[in-house]
């Protein structure tokens, strides 16, 4: 069986830290890094300022990742795109409808969802949003989407190493 593991959750919840730690534990996986920063590097506005064009570029990134035929671990997935799009003022109804319809077609392609709840304040790295109210809304929407899935998911908590061990146990 091929695994497509998605780390999901609001910004600044520890996903990238755990993602980096998992690289040594899962040598037979390809690690696909966070899409938003990649899209931002092309000049697209991100976070609350994201546009239809931003979200469609991110959509392409996620769909391309799903084409990978082997085991993959993703630092974000199509669920992130859907959740964040719900709270962006600058995307069109048509773009949102496309994202939602595509999500409904691809959500079962992921074999494991790993949810990172908010456990600490956002860290300002100059890229991610530090708007805690917006982050809380995003987190709540993630929980709703996960609860609507037809498959179990794992909620990880604790230190980065505790989270890594929880994930390894869940996927094995």
Protein backbone atom coordinates (compact mmCIF):
# COMPACT_ATOMS: atom_id res chain seq x y z
CA UNK A 1 0.00 0.00 0.00
CA UNK A 2 1.20 3.50 -0.85
CA UNK A 3 0.81 6.09 1.92
CA UNK A 4 -0.04 9.72 1.32
CA UNK A 5 0.27 11.37 4.73
CA UNK A 6 -0.91 14.94 5.24
CA UNK A 7 0.08 17.16 8.16
CA UNK A 8 -2.75 19.65 8.63
CA UNK A 9 -3.57 22.53 10.94
CA UNK A 10 -3.38 26.27 11.35
CA UNK A 11 -0.10 28.10 10.94
CA UNK A 12 2.53 27.95 13.67
CA UNK A 13 1.36 24.67 15.23
CA UNK A 14 4.58 22.70 14.79
CA UNK A 15 3.92 20.94 11.48
CA UNK A 16 7.21 21.90 9.83
CA UNK A 17 9.26 21.04 12.93
CA UNK A 18 7.74 17.56 13.08
CA UNK A 19 7.98 17.21 9.28
CA UNK A 20 11.76 17.78 9.52
CA UNK A 21 12.12 15.27 12.36
CA UNK A 22 10.19 12.61 10.42
CA UNK A 23 12.68 12.72 7.54
CA UNK A 24 15.12 10.56 9.52
CA UNK A 25 12.39 8.14 10.58
CA UNK A 26 10.76 7.53 7.17
CA UNK A 27 13.58 7.06 4.64
CA UNK A 28 11.30 5.47 2.03
CA UNK A 29 9.09 8.55 1.81
CA UNK A 30 9.32 11.60 -0.40
CA UNK A 31 8.80 14.75 1.64
CA UNK A 32 6.87 17.51 -0.10
CA UNK A 33 7.32 20.85 1.59
CA UNK A 34 4.79 23.54 2.38
CA UNK A 35 3.12 25.06 -0.68
CA UNK A 36 2.22 28.53 0.58
CA UNK A 37 5.82 29.69 0.93
CA UNK A 38 6.59 28.29 -2.53
CA UNK A 39 3.70 30.23 -4.05
CA UNK A 40 4.71 33.36 -2.10
CA UNK A 41 8.19 33.08 -3.61
CA UNK A 42 6.57 33.70 -7.02
CA UNK A 43 5.07 36.94 -5.72
CA UNK A 44 1.55 35.79 -4.89
CA UNK A 45 0.01 37.42 -1.79
CA UNK A 46 -0.67 34.88 0.99
CA UNK A 47 -2.50 34.54 4.31
CA UNK A 48 -5.42 36.96 4.72
CA UNK A 49 -4.32 38.79 1.56
CA UNK A 50 -4.56 35.70 -0.66
CA UNK A 51 -6.42 36.03 -3.96
CA UNK A 52 -8.12 33.69 -6.39
CA UNK A 53 -4.85 33.50 -8.30
CA UNK A 54 -2.98 32.60 -5.11
CA UNK A 55 -5.39 29.82 -4.27
CA UNK A 56 -5.37 28.40 -7.80
CA UNK A 57 -1.56 28.34 -7.77
CA UNK A 58 -1.65 26.48 -4.45
CA UNK A 59 -4.27 24.12 -5.89
CA UNK A 60 -1.91 23.23 -8.74
CA UNK A 61 0.88 22.57 -6.24
CA UNK A 62 -1.29 20.17 -4.21
CA UNK A 63 -2.68 18.34 -7.22
CA UNK A 64 0.82 17.86 -8.60
CA UNK A 65 1.92 16.40 -5.24
CA UNK A 66 -0.86 13.81 -5.43
CA UNK A 67 0.52 12.58 -8.76
CA UNK A 68 3.57 11.20 -6.94
CA UNK A 69 3.32 7.40 -7.25
CA UNK A 70 5.22 6.55 -4.04
CA UNK A 71 4.92 7.14 -0.32
CA UNK A 72 4.72 10.84 0.44
CA UNK A 73 4.51 13.03 3.49
CA UNK A 74 3.11 16.52 2.92
CA UNK A 75 3.61 19.58 5.09
CA UNK A 76 0.21 20.82 3.84
CA UNK A 77 -2.51 19.31 1.64
CA UNK A 78 -5.65 20.21 -0.30
CA UNK A 79 -7.61 20.44 2.95
CA UNK A 80 -5.44 23.41 3.94
CA UNK A 81 -6.35 25.12 0.68
CA UNK A 82 -10.06 24.61 1.29
CA UNK A 83 -9.95 25.75 4.91
CA UNK A 84 -7.91 28.89 4.29
CA UNK A 85 -10.02 29.78 1.24
CA UNK A 86 -13.11 29.95 3.44
CA UNK A 87 -11.64 32.97 5.22
CA UNK A 88 -10.19 34.97 2.33
CA UNK A 89 -12.05 38.04 1.16
CA UNK A 90 -10.23 38.30 -2.15
CA UNK A 91 -11.23 35.03 -3.79
CA UNK A 92 -14.17 34.73 -6.12
CA UNK A 93 -17.15 32.48 -5.54
CA UNK A 94 -16.16 30.58 -8.69
CA UNK A 95 -12.67 29.92 -7.37
CA UNK A 96 -13.99 28.78 -4.00
CA UNK A 97 -16.54 26.48 -5.68
CA UNK A 98 -13.76 24.97 -7.81
CA UNK A 99 -11.59 24.39 -4.73
CA UNK A 100 -14.45 22.81 -2.80
CA UNK A 101 -15.44 20.53 -5.69
CA UNK A 102 -11.83 19.48 -6.23
CA UNK A 103 -11.42 18.81 -2.49
CA UNK A 104 -14.43 16.49 -2.60
CA UNK A 105 -12.81 14.58 -5.46
CA UNK A 106 -9.32 14.25 -3.93
CA UNK A 107 -9.80 14.03 -0.15
CA UNK A 108 -9.79 10.23 -0.16
CA UNK A 109 -6.44 10.16 -2.00
CA UNK A 110 -4.74 10.93 1.31
CA UNK A 111 -4.34 7.82 3.44
CA UNK A 112 -3.55 9.55 6.75
CA UNK A 113 -4.44 12.95 8.17
CA UNK A 114 -2.38 14.23 11.09
CA UNK A 115 -3.99 17.21 12.83
CA UNK A 116 -1.90 19.76 14.72
CA UNK A 117 -4.15 21.77 17.06
CA UNK A 118 -3.13 25.17 18.37
CA UNK A 119 -1.11 24.67 21.56
CA UNK A 120 0.96 27.87 21.62
CA UNK A 121 0.99 31.43 20.27
CA UNK A 122 1.97 32.06 16.66
CA UNK A 123 5.62 32.80 15.99
CA UNK A 124 6.27 35.82 13.78
CA UNK A 125 8.64 34.66 11.03
CA UNK A 126 7.82 37.53 8.69
CA UNK A 127 5.74 35.28 6.41
CA UNK A 128 2.92 33.65 8.35
CA UNK A 129 0.02 35.58 9.80
CA UNK A 130 0.19 36.41 13.50
CA UNK A 131 -3.52 37.30 13.69
CA UNK A 132 -4.61 34.97 16.52
CA UNK A 133 -8.35 35.50 15.91
CA UNK A 134 -7.96 34.48 12.26
CA UNK A 135 -5.81 31.52 13.32
CA UNK A 136 -8.48 30.33 15.77
CA UNK A 137 -11.12 30.44 12.99
CA UNK A 138 -8.80 28.43 10.74
CA UNK A 139 -8.21 25.86 13.49
CA UNK A 140 -11.95 25.43 14.10
CA UNK A 141 -12.55 24.93 10.36
CA UNK A 142 -9.83 22.25 10.23
CA UNK A 143 -11.51 20.38 13.06
CA UNK A 144 -14.87 20.54 11.25
CA UNK A 145 -13.38 19.24 7.99
CA UNK A 146 -11.57 16.42 9.78
CA UNK A 147 -14.72 15.42 11.64
CA UNK A 148 -16.55 15.24 8.29
CA UNK A 149 -14.07 12.78 6.78
CA UNK A 150 -14.96 9.15 6.23
CA UNK A 151 -11.66 8.07 7.79
CA UNK A 152 -9.99 8.38 11.16
CA UNK A 153 -7.35 11.02 11.76
CA UNK A 154 -4.73 11.56 14.43
CA UNK A 155 -4.55 14.61 16.67
CA UNK A 156 -0.96 15.08 17.86
CA UNK A 157 0.03 16.91 21.03
CA UNK A 158 3.06 17.37 23.22
CA UNK A 159 6.70 17.89 22.37
CA UNK A 160 7.96 17.48 18.80
CA UNK A 161 9.42 14.04 19.64
CA UNK A 162 6.19 12.93 21.30
CA UNK A 163 4.33 13.99 18.16
CA UNK A 164 6.75 12.08 15.93
CA UNK A 165 6.20 8.92 17.99
CA UNK A 166 2.41 9.37 17.85
CA UNK A 167 2.57 9.68 14.06
CA UNK A 168 4.83 6.65 13.61
CA UNK A 169 2.48 4.54 15.71
CA UNK A 170 -0.56 5.79 13.76
CA UNK A 171 0.81 5.07 10.29
CA UNK A 172 2.26 1.62 11.13
